[in-house]
Protein backbone atom coordinates (compact mmCIF):
# COMPACT_ATOMS: atom_id res chain seq x y z
CA MET A 1 -53.79 -35.94 -165.60
CA LYS A 2 -51.41 -34.35 -163.10
CA LYS A 3 -50.09 -36.34 -160.15
CA ALA A 4 -49.04 -34.64 -156.92
CA THR A 5 -47.79 -35.91 -153.59
CA ILE A 6 -49.55 -34.89 -150.38
CA THR A 7 -46.67 -32.53 -149.56
CA GLU A 8 -46.82 -30.94 -153.01
CA ALA A 9 -50.60 -30.59 -152.76
CA LYS A 10 -50.28 -28.93 -149.36
CA ASN A 11 -47.59 -26.51 -150.52
CA ARG A 12 -49.06 -25.72 -153.96
CA LEU A 13 -52.82 -26.10 -153.43
CA SER A 14 -53.69 -22.80 -155.13
CA ALA A 15 -51.75 -23.75 -158.27
CA LEU A 16 -53.38 -27.19 -158.37
CA ILE A 17 -56.84 -25.65 -158.00
CA ASP A 18 -56.09 -23.32 -160.91
CA ARG A 19 -55.26 -26.37 -163.05
CA VAL A 20 -58.53 -28.03 -161.97
CA LYS A 21 -60.48 -24.87 -162.84
CA HIS A 22 -59.15 -25.21 -166.37
CA GLY A 23 -60.46 -28.75 -166.72
CA GLU A 24 -57.50 -30.84 -165.58
CA THR A 25 -57.80 -33.61 -163.01
CA VAL A 26 -55.18 -33.90 -160.25
CA VAL A 27 -54.50 -37.21 -158.48
CA ILE A 28 -52.96 -36.89 -155.03
CA THR A 29 -50.66 -39.73 -154.00
CA ASP A 30 -49.28 -40.93 -150.69
CA ARG A 31 -46.00 -42.80 -151.14
CA GLY A 32 -46.87 -43.45 -154.78
CA ARG A 33 -50.40 -44.74 -154.11
CA PRO A 34 -53.41 -42.66 -155.26
CA VAL A 35 -55.46 -41.49 -152.27
CA ALA A 36 -57.53 -38.57 -153.61
CA ARG A 37 -58.62 -36.88 -156.82
CA LEU A 38 -59.22 -33.17 -157.38
CA VAL A 39 -61.86 -32.59 -160.05
CA SER A 40 -63.87 -29.54 -161.00
CA ALA A 41 -67.18 -29.21 -159.21
CA LEU A 42 -68.52 -27.15 -162.10
CA THR A 43 -67.53 -28.67 -165.44
CA GLY A 44 -68.19 -32.37 -164.84
CA ALA A 45 -71.61 -31.93 -163.24
CA ALA A 46 -73.30 -30.54 -166.35
CA GLU A 47 -71.79 -33.13 -168.70
CA ASP A 48 -72.63 -36.25 -166.69
CA PRO A 49 -75.29 -35.56 -164.03
CA GLU A 50 -75.84 -39.24 -163.24
CA GLY A 51 -72.23 -40.40 -163.39
CA ARG A 52 -71.54 -40.07 -159.68
CA LEU A 53 -74.81 -41.72 -158.69
CA ALA A 54 -74.13 -44.58 -161.08
CA ARG A 55 -70.64 -45.10 -159.59
CA LEU A 56 -72.04 -45.13 -156.06
CA GLU A 57 -74.73 -47.59 -157.11
CA ARG A 58 -72.17 -49.92 -158.72
CA ARG A 59 -70.01 -49.84 -155.59
CA GLY A 60 -72.98 -50.54 -153.33
CA GLY A 61 -72.89 -47.09 -151.75
CA LEU A 62 -76.53 -46.40 -152.53
CA ARG A 63 -79.63 -48.11 -153.83
CA ARG A 64 -82.07 -46.13 -155.97
CA ALA A 65 -85.77 -46.32 -155.29
CA MET A 66 -87.79 -48.38 -157.77
CA ALA A 67 -90.94 -46.27 -157.32
CA ALA A 68 -92.10 -43.16 -155.52
CA PRO A 69 -92.98 -43.68 -151.85
CA PRO A 70 -96.68 -44.18 -151.06
CA ARG A 71 -98.43 -40.86 -150.43
CA GLY A 72 -100.01 -42.21 -147.24
CA LEU A 73 -96.57 -42.92 -145.80
CA ILE A 74 -95.43 -39.36 -146.47
CA LEU A 75 -98.54 -37.80 -144.90
CA LYS A 76 -98.61 -40.14 -141.89
CA LYS A 77 -97.95 -38.41 -138.56
CA LEU A 78 -95.11 -39.73 -136.48
CA PRO A 79 -95.94 -41.19 -133.07
CA GLY A 80 -95.35 -38.98 -130.03
CA ARG A 81 -91.74 -38.87 -129.01
CA GLY A 82 -92.30 -38.38 -125.26
CA ASN A 83 -89.69 -36.82 -123.05
CA LEU A 84 -86.54 -36.82 -125.16
CA ARG A 85 -84.33 -35.81 -122.27
CA ALA A 86 -85.36 -38.81 -120.18
CA SER A 87 -85.40 -41.33 -123.01
CA SER A 88 -82.10 -40.50 -124.65
CA MET A 89 -78.73 -40.91 -122.97
CA ARG A 90 -75.42 -39.98 -124.44
CA PHE A 91 -72.68 -42.56 -124.14
CA SER A 92 -68.96 -42.21 -124.66
CA ARG A 93 -66.85 -44.68 -126.61
CA ASN A 94 -66.22 -46.90 -123.61
CA GLY A 95 -69.94 -47.24 -122.86
CA ALA A 96 -70.10 -44.97 -119.81
CA ARG A 97 -72.67 -42.21 -119.70
CA VAL A 98 -71.24 -38.84 -120.60
CA GLY A 99 -70.26 -37.08 -117.38
CA GLU A 100 -69.98 -40.33 -115.42
CA VAL A 101 -66.61 -41.07 -113.83
CA LEU A 102 -65.29 -44.59 -114.25
CA GLY A 103 -63.76 -46.18 -111.15
């Protein structure tokens, strides 16, 4: 496994991608701490199709369904949404409406 700093990854990205294409994994570090991993999107997927889902499930990032959803729920029509323009307002980070000037 190759380790590269952020600066090295930025300056030599093409070379690192070539290494990844040939099956190597590259760990990118920031001040000696691992922050990212470059892995092939092609080779690992066929070998372990459920590996990523299993990792996400272990970390609490997703929860798999125990059964298929009820057919009636899928076919059920959604209630009318009304006038979307009147019912939805966009707010900025400070809570003011977008376009509104704060005094």
